[in-house]
Every structure is written in C-alpha cells, then in structure tokens.
C-alpha atoms as a PDB file:
ATOM      1  CA  UNK A   1     -39.485 -28.731 -68.962  1.00  0.00           C
ATOM      2  CA  UNK A   2     -41.339 -25.695 -70.225  1.00  0.00           C
ATOM      3  CA  UNK A   3     -41.679 -24.801 -73.897  1.00  0.00           C
ATOM      4  CA  UNK A   4     -41.349 -21.232 -75.168  1.00  0.00           C
ATOM      5  CA  UNK A   5     -41.399 -19.582 -78.575  1.00  0.00           C
ATOM      6  CA  UNK A   6     -38.487 -17.181 -78.859  1.00  0.00           C
ATOM      7  CA  UNK A   7     -37.978 -14.705 -81.710  1.00  0.00           C
ATOM      8  CA  UNK A   8     -34.394 -13.599 -82.424  1.00  0.00           C
ATOM      9  CA  UNK A   9     -33.599 -11.286 -85.348  1.00  0.00           C
ATOM     10  CA  UNK A  10     -36.845 -12.202 -87.061  1.00  0.00           C
ATOM     11  CA  UNK A  11     -36.278 -15.967 -86.657  1.00  0.00           C
ATOM     12  CA  UNK A  12     -38.765 -17.816 -84.441  1.00  0.00           C
ATOM     13  CA  UNK A  13     -37.495 -20.785 -82.399  1.00  0.00           C
ATOM     14  CA  UNK A  14     -39.224 -23.295 -80.139  1.00  0.00           C
ATOM     15  CA  UNK A  15     -37.167 -23.644 -76.954  1.00  0.00           C
ATOM     16  CA  UNK A  16     -37.470 -26.073 -74.045  1.00  0.00           C
ATOM     17  CA  UNK A  17     -36.095 -24.864 -70.704  1.00  0.00           C
ATOM     18  CA  UNK A  18     -35.624 -26.914 -67.528  1.00  0.00           C
ATOM     19  CA  UNK A  19     -35.462 -25.186 -64.163  1.00  0.00           C
ATOM     20  CA  UNK A  20     -32.508 -26.161 -61.952  1.00  0.00           C
ATOM     21  CA  UNK A  21     -33.532 -26.418 -58.312  1.00  0.00           C
ATOM     22  CA  UNK A  22     -31.157 -26.238 -55.324  1.00  0.00           C
ATOM     23  CA  UNK A  23     -28.038 -26.186 -57.493  1.00  0.00           C
ATOM     24  CA  UNK A  24     -28.660 -29.702 -58.812  1.00  0.00           C
ATOM     25  CA  UNK A  25     -27.433 -30.262 -62.343  1.00  0.00           C
ATOM     26  CA  UNK A  26     -30.060 -31.286 -64.875  1.00  0.00           C
ATOM     27  CA  UNK A  27     -30.144 -34.841 -66.127  1.00  0.00           C
ATOM     28  CA  UNK A  28     -30.065 -33.784 -69.797  1.00  0.00           C
ATOM     29  CA  UNK A  29     -29.321 -30.658 -71.765  1.00  0.00           C
ATOM     30  CA  UNK A  30     -30.707 -27.531 -70.118  1.00  0.00           C
ATOM     31  CA  UNK A  31     -31.821 -25.952 -73.375  1.00  0.00           C
ATOM     32  CA  UNK A  32     -32.747 -27.567 -76.649  1.00  0.00           C
ATOM     33  CA  UNK A  33     -33.434 -25.483 -79.704  1.00  0.00           C
ATOM     34  CA  UNK A  34     -35.337 -26.750 -82.701  1.00  0.00           C
ATOM     35  CA  UNK A  35     -35.227 -25.322 -86.196  1.00  0.00           C
ATOM     36  CA  UNK A  36     -37.356 -22.239 -86.855  1.00  0.00           C
ATOM     37  CA  UNK A  37     -40.996 -22.951 -86.031  1.00  0.00           C
ATOM     38  CA  UNK A  38     -42.394 -20.871 -88.899  1.00  0.00           C
ATOM     39  CA  UNK A  39     -41.196 -18.911 -91.860  1.00  0.00           C
ATOM     40  CA  UNK A  40     -39.783 -15.701 -90.418  1.00  0.00           C
ATOM     41  CA  UNK A  41     -41.238 -12.366 -91.389  1.00  0.00           C
ATOM     42  CA  UNK A  42     -38.734  -9.895 -92.799  1.00  0.00           C
ATOM     43  CA  UNK A  43     -37.300  -7.568 -90.177  1.00  0.00           C
ATOM     44  CA  UNK A  44     -39.039  -4.170 -90.299  1.00  0.00           C
ATOM     45  CA  UNK A  45     -37.028  -1.205 -91.502  1.00  0.00           C
ATOM     46  CA  UNK A  46     -36.412   1.362 -88.785  1.00  0.00           C
ATOM     47  CA  UNK A  47     -38.406   4.548 -89.353  1.00  0.00           C
ATOM     48  CA  UNK A  48     -36.624   7.286 -91.212  1.00  0.00           C
ATOM     49  CA  UNK A  49     -35.555  10.093 -88.884  1.00  0.00           C
ATOM     50  CA  UNK A  50     -37.481  13.337 -89.159  1.00  0.00           C
ATOM     51  CA  UNK A  51     -35.612  15.510 -91.606  1.00  0.00           C
ATOM     52  CA  UNK A  52     -36.078  18.904 -93.106  1.00  0.00           C
ATOM     53  CA  UNK A  53     -35.005  18.388 -96.689  1.00  0.00           C
ATOM     54  CA  UNK A  54     -33.750  21.485 -98.444  1.00  0.00           C
ATOM     55  CA  UNK A  55     -35.428  22.145-101.780  1.00  0.00           C
ATOM     56  CA  UNK A  56     -34.900  24.800-104.411  1.00  0.00           C
ATOM     57  CA  UNK A  57     -35.941  28.366-103.589  1.00  0.00           C
ATOM     58  CA  UNK A  58     -35.157  28.116 -99.884  1.00  0.00           C
ATOM     59  CA  UNK A  59     -38.136  25.827 -99.146  1.00  0.00           C
ATOM     60  CA  UNK A  60     -37.867  23.292 -96.338  1.00  0.00           C
ATOM     61  CA  UNK A  61     -39.960  20.152 -96.688  1.00  0.00           C
ATOM     62  CA  UNK A  62     -41.251  18.537 -93.500  1.00  0.00           C
ATOM     63  CA  UNK A  63     -41.867  14.811 -94.067  1.00  0.00           C
ATOM     64  CA  UNK A  64     -43.638  12.153 -92.005  1.00  0.00           C
ATOM     65  CA  UNK A  65     -41.076  10.272 -89.893  1.00  0.00           C
ATOM     66  CA  UNK A  66     -43.329   7.173 -89.722  1.00  0.00           C
ATOM     67  CA  UNK A  67     -46.627   5.896 -91.102  1.00  0.00           C
ATOM     68  CA  UNK A  68     -49.739   6.983 -89.233  1.00  0.00           C
ATOM     69  CA  UNK A  69     -52.845   9.158 -89.169  1.00  0.00           C
ATOM     70  CA  UNK A  70     -52.883  12.946 -88.937  1.00  0.00           C
ATOM     71  CA  UNK A  71     -54.808  13.929 -85.795  1.00  0.00           C
ATOM     72  CA  UNK A  72     -54.424  17.686 -86.177  1.00  0.00           C
ATOM     73  CA  UNK A  73     -52.703  20.313 -88.273  1.00  0.00           C
ATOM     74  CA  UNK A  74     -51.797  23.270 -86.059  1.00  0.00           C
ATOM     75  CA  UNK A  75     -50.723  25.715 -88.792  1.00  0.00           C
ATOM     76  CA  UNK A  76     -52.015  27.101 -92.081  1.00  0.00           C
ATOM     77  CA  UNK A  77     -50.255  28.658 -95.083  1.00  0.00           C
ATOM     78  CA  UNK A  78     -48.847  32.072 -94.236  1.00  0.00           C
ATOM     79  CA  UNK A  79     -48.348  31.347 -90.504  1.00  0.00           C
ATOM     80  CA  UNK A  80     -44.977  32.263 -89.000  1.00  0.00           C
ATOM     81  CA  UNK A  81     -43.415  29.438 -86.987  1.00  0.00           C
ATOM     82  CA  UNK A  82     -40.463  29.165 -84.620  1.00  0.00           C
ATOM     83  CA  UNK A  83     -38.001  26.280 -84.473  1.00  0.00           C
ATOM     84  CA  UNK A  84     -39.460  23.536 -82.230  1.00  0.00           C
ATOM     85  CA  UNK A  85     -43.083  24.688 -82.594  1.00  0.00           C
ATOM     86  CA  UNK A  86     -45.629  21.853 -82.999  1.00  0.00           C
ATOM     87  CA  UNK A  87     -46.843  21.799 -86.602  1.00  0.00           C
ATOM     88  CA  UNK A  88     -48.736  18.512 -86.840  1.00  0.00           C
ATOM     89  CA  UNK A  89     -49.865  15.745 -84.464  1.00  0.00           C
ATOM     90  CA  UNK A  90     -49.309  12.315 -86.035  1.00  0.00           C
ATOM     91  CA  UNK A  91     -50.831   9.211 -84.428  1.00  0.00           C
ATOM     92  CA  UNK A  92     -48.766   6.060 -84.918  1.00  0.00           C
ATOM     93  CA  UNK A  93     -49.215   2.806 -82.971  1.00  0.00           C
ATOM     94  CA  UNK A  94     -51.747   4.500 -80.645  1.00  0.00           C
ATOM     95  CA  UNK A  95     -49.220   7.185 -79.675  1.00  0.00           C
ATOM     96  CA  UNK A  96     -49.458  10.886 -80.490  1.00  0.00           C
ATOM     97  CA  UNK A  97     -46.231  12.209 -82.058  1.00  0.00           C
ATOM     98  CA  UNK A  98     -45.563  15.928 -82.332  1.00  0.00           C
ATOM     99  CA  UNK A  99     -43.987  16.950 -85.636  1.00  0.00           C
ATOM    100  CA  UNK A 100     -41.926  20.051 -84.887  1.00  0.00           C
ATOM    101  CA  UNK A 101     -40.698  22.930 -87.021  1.00  0.00           C
ATOM    102  CA  UNK A 102     -37.045  22.255 -87.949  1.00  0.00           C
ATOM    103  CA  UNK A 103     -36.333  26.001 -88.185  1.00  0.00           C
ATOM    104  CA  UNK A 104     -37.937  29.418 -88.023  1.00  0.00           C
ATOM    105  CA  UNK A 105     -39.956  30.275 -91.121  1.00  0.00           C
ATOM    106  CA  UNK A 106     -43.297  30.817 -92.770  1.00  0.00           C
ATOM    107  CA  UNK A 107     -45.640  27.997 -93.758  1.00  0.00           C
ATOM    108  CA  UNK A 108     -45.661  27.911 -97.563  1.00  0.00           C
ATOM    109  CA  UNK A 109     -48.025  24.948 -97.999  1.00  0.00           C
ATOM    110  CA  UNK A 110     -49.860  22.355 -95.926  1.00  0.00           C
ATOM    111  CA  UNK A 111     -50.088  19.076 -97.830  1.00  0.00           C
ATOM    112  CA  UNK A 112     -52.140  17.004 -95.333  1.00  0.00           C
ATOM    113  CA  UNK A 113     -55.386  17.374 -93.422  1.00  0.00           C
ATOM    114  CA  UNK A 114     -56.795  15.916 -90.210  1.00  0.00           C
ATOM    115  CA  UNK A 115     -57.766  12.275 -90.607  1.00  0.00           C
ATOM    116  CA  UNK A 116     -55.405  11.637 -93.527  1.00  0.00           C
ATOM    117  CA  UNK A 117     -53.231   8.514 -93.531  1.00  0.00           C
ATOM    118  CA  UNK A 118     -49.567   9.054 -94.349  1.00  0.00           C
ATOM    119  CA  UNK A 119     -46.616   6.780 -95.023  1.00  0.00           C
ATOM    120  CA  UNK A 120     -43.078   7.293 -93.837  1.00  0.00           C
ATOM    121  CA  UNK A 121     -41.479  10.044 -95.907  1.00  0.00           C
ATOM    122  CA  UNK A 122     -44.735  11.594 -97.159  1.00  0.00           C
ATOM    123  CA  UNK A 123     -44.691  15.396 -97.429  1.00  0.00           C
ATOM    124  CA  UNK A 124     -46.622  17.025 -94.590  1.00  0.00           C
ATOM    125  CA  UNK A 125     -45.899  20.692 -95.220  1.00  0.00           C
ATOM    126  CA  UNK A 126     -43.375  23.127 -96.635  1.00  0.00           C
ATOM    127  CA  UNK A 127     -41.728  26.092 -94.922  1.00  0.00           C
ATOM    128  CA  UNK A 128     -39.976  29.115 -96.436  1.00  0.00           C
END
C-alpha cells in the first residue's frame, strides 16, 4: 500500500492505494479514505475577468484582472491607443500578463507606475 494526500475541492484527504498486479484481486479494499487530514483552506475566488467599465463622461476604466506587480506602463496621458494595444505589463505568479486596450481612445489618466503592487479590480488607467 502507498499513502497519498489528495486535495479535492479544498478538502485534503489521506488515501491508501494498493497496486493490483497481473489481474489479481486485492485481499482488502483497494482504496481507503480517512477524514480530512487538516482544516481545509477556503477555495480561492477565480480572478475577475478583465473589463472596461463604463463611467460617466465617456471614460473607460481599465482595471487589474488579478493581483500582481506592474512591470511596465507602456502609455502616458494624452497617448492615442488602438483596441488590443498593450497598455501595461502585469506580473502575476511569475508570469507576464499584457493588459490590452479594450477599445480605441486616448489615455486620460495613468493610475499606476512600474513596481507598484495591485489587487484584483484596482484601477490601472482610464481611457476617453
């Protein structure tokens, strides 16, 4: 028998598994499951999808889709941008994520700088 710790839906279980060789049936139960080995951590919320939230005056807010660190800001106020253009590079879990312009427009404000830490939903910049 081999013991494994298995996590299912945030619950951790200790499991014993016996290998069946040459089609022989095991002498006892093949799998035994004990009660959760430790108090489970709450399941993490999935990151909010990147949205361009409409605000008054025709402004479009570009928010952080996940927590991370700003590696670079590729635009400044007054710059014209095209839909799909890279505005900001956000590092999250050692991966670089490109935050793209949701539509054509002009950068009204940049609310973050390189090196800043952001949480999911934080305002990165605003377009007009």
